[in-house]
Amino acid sequence: VQLQASGGGLVQPGGSLRLSCAASGSIFGINVMGWYRQAAGKQRELVASITSGGSTNYADPVKGRLTISRDNARNTVYLQMSSLKPEDTAVYYCNVEFQPSRRVYWGQGTQVTVSS
């Protein structure tokens, strides 16, 4: 399984970005797709996740500003990021979890920097 993330970059506070992550390879059985982030000197944390049925889960700091979605036909998960804050600066990683094995795969990470 390969996960290719894209869409990171430098944006001013209050701006928007859209991250994408496409899964390829042996992808039958993907259940949850998610985004995590890791800021410098901090642990990796969940940003948002979405199940194959469309149920979503968000970390409290991003609720109302970031939106996760997925295109099952394209095996792609998106993260629409709006009203970005400097504290959103981090490397963002996508991951997928398979069912029933619950095996998890990670993408390579994409840098998001929010700064004026």
Protein backbone atom coordinates (compact mmCIF):
# COMPACT_ATOMS: atom_id res chain seq x y z
CA VAL A 1 0.00 0.00 0.00
CA GLN A 2 1.33 3.42 -0.95
CA LEU A 3 -0.05 6.72 0.27
CA GLN A 4 0.85 9.89 -1.64
CA ALA A 5 0.07 13.12 0.17
CA SER A 6 0.13 16.54 -1.44
CA GLY A 7 -1.14 20.08 -1.00
CA GLY A 8 0.96 21.47 1.84
CA GLY A 9 2.68 24.81 1.74
CA LEU A 10 3.02 28.24 3.29
CA VAL A 11 -0.13 30.21 3.99
CA GLN A 12 -0.95 33.35 5.94
CA PRO A 13 -3.08 33.21 9.09
CA GLY A 14 -6.73 33.04 8.12
CA GLY A 15 -5.91 31.39 4.82
CA SER A 16 -6.89 28.04 3.36
CA LEU A 17 -5.22 24.92 2.03
CA ARG A 18 -6.47 21.60 0.74
CA LEU A 19 -4.51 18.44 1.40
CA SER A 20 -4.99 15.28 -0.64
CA CYS A 21 -3.83 11.73 -0.05
CA ALA A 22 -4.24 9.01 -2.64
CA ALA A 23 -3.93 5.34 -1.76
CA SER A 24 -2.69 2.77 -4.26
CA GLY A 25 -1.62 -0.85 -4.31
CA SER A 26 -3.49 -3.56 -2.37
CA ILE A 27 -6.21 -1.25 -1.11
CA PHE A 28 -9.17 -3.58 -0.81
CA GLY A 29 -10.62 -3.38 2.68
CA ILE A 30 -9.71 0.19 3.64
CA ASN A 31 -12.04 1.31 6.42
CA VAL A 32 -10.79 4.44 8.16
CA MET A 33 -8.79 7.17 6.44
CA GLY A 34 -7.32 9.90 8.54
CA TRP A 35 -5.04 12.86 8.93
CA TYR A 36 -2.58 13.35 11.77
CA ARG A 37 -0.10 16.13 12.39
CA GLN A 38 3.15 16.56 14.23
CA ALA A 39 4.45 19.95 15.20
CA ALA A 40 8.11 20.48 16.02
CA GLY A 41 8.92 19.06 19.43
CA LYS A 42 5.47 17.56 19.91
CA GLN A 43 3.88 14.16 19.54
CA ARG A 44 1.87 13.18 16.50
CA GLU A 45 -1.82 13.81 17.07
CA LEU A 46 -5.06 12.99 15.32
CA VAL A 47 -6.57 15.80 13.27
CA ALA A 48 -9.55 14.07 11.70
CA SER A 49 -10.71 10.70 10.46
CA ILE A 50 -13.47 9.34 8.26
CA THR A 51 -14.85 5.84 7.89
CA SER A 52 -15.85 4.12 4.67
CA GLY A 53 -19.44 4.93 5.58
CA GLY A 54 -18.70 8.62 5.93
CA SER A 55 -18.67 9.01 9.72
CA THR A 56 -16.20 11.68 10.77
CA ASN A 57 -14.24 12.48 13.89
CA TYR A 58 -12.35 15.72 14.59
CA ALA A 59 -9.90 16.89 17.19
CA ASP A 60 -11.36 19.74 19.23
CA PRO A 61 -8.83 22.39 18.09
CA VAL A 62 -9.84 21.99 14.43
CA LYS A 63 -13.59 21.62 14.70
CA GLY A 64 -15.39 24.09 12.49
CA ARG A 65 -12.24 25.00 10.55
CA LEU A 66 -11.01 21.76 8.96
CA THR A 67 -13.16 19.35 6.99
CA ILE A 68 -12.25 15.78 6.07
CA SER A 69 -13.80 14.02 3.10
CA ARG A 70 -13.05 11.03 0.91
CA ASP A 71 -13.66 9.80 -2.59
CA ASN A 72 -13.94 6.02 -2.35
CA ALA A 73 -13.84 5.60 -6.13
CA ARG A 74 -10.48 7.38 -6.22
CA ASN A 75 -9.26 5.95 -2.88
CA THR A 76 -8.43 9.49 -1.87
CA VAL A 77 -8.92 11.40 1.36
CA TYR A 78 -8.95 15.20 1.54
CA LEU A 79 -8.50 17.74 4.29
CA GLN A 80 -9.95 21.18 3.55
CA MET A 81 -8.28 23.61 5.90
CA SER A 82 -9.77 27.07 6.48
CA SER A 83 -9.22 29.88 8.96
CA LEU A 84 -5.73 28.56 9.54
CA LYS A 85 -3.80 29.59 12.62
CA PRO A 86 -0.06 29.59 13.35
CA GLU A 87 -0.66 26.71 15.75
CA ASP A 88 -1.80 24.59 12.79
CA THR A 89 1.81 24.59 11.58
CA ALA A 90 2.99 20.98 11.43
CA VAL A 91 3.83 18.08 9.19
CA TYR A 92 0.55 16.47 8.19
CA TYR A 93 0.39 12.72 7.67
CA CYS A 94 -2.38 10.68 6.15
CA ASN A 95 -3.08 7.12 7.15
CA VAL A 96 -5.42 4.28 6.36
CA GLU A 97 -6.68 1.44 8.49
CA PHE A 98 -7.86 -1.84 7.03
CA GLN A 99 -10.63 -4.06 8.28
CA PRO A 100 -10.76 -6.64 9.71
CA SER A 101 -6.98 -6.74 10.20
CA ARG A 102 -6.81 -3.15 11.57
CA ARG A 103 -3.43 -2.82 9.87
CA VAL A 104 -2.36 0.79 9.44
CA TYR A 105 -0.28 2.44 6.73
CA TRP A 106 1.16 5.97 6.74
CA GLY A 107 1.91 8.50 4.03
CA GLN A 108 5.15 10.45 3.83
CA GLY A 109 3.90 13.72 5.34
CA THR A 110 3.40 17.18 3.91
CA GLN A 111 4.50 20.40 5.59
CA VAL A 112 1.92 23.06 6.41
CA THR A 113 3.27 26.39 7.63
CA VAL A 114 0.94 29.16 8.77
CA SER A 115 2.83 32.39 9.08
CA SER A 116 2.66 36.03 8.08
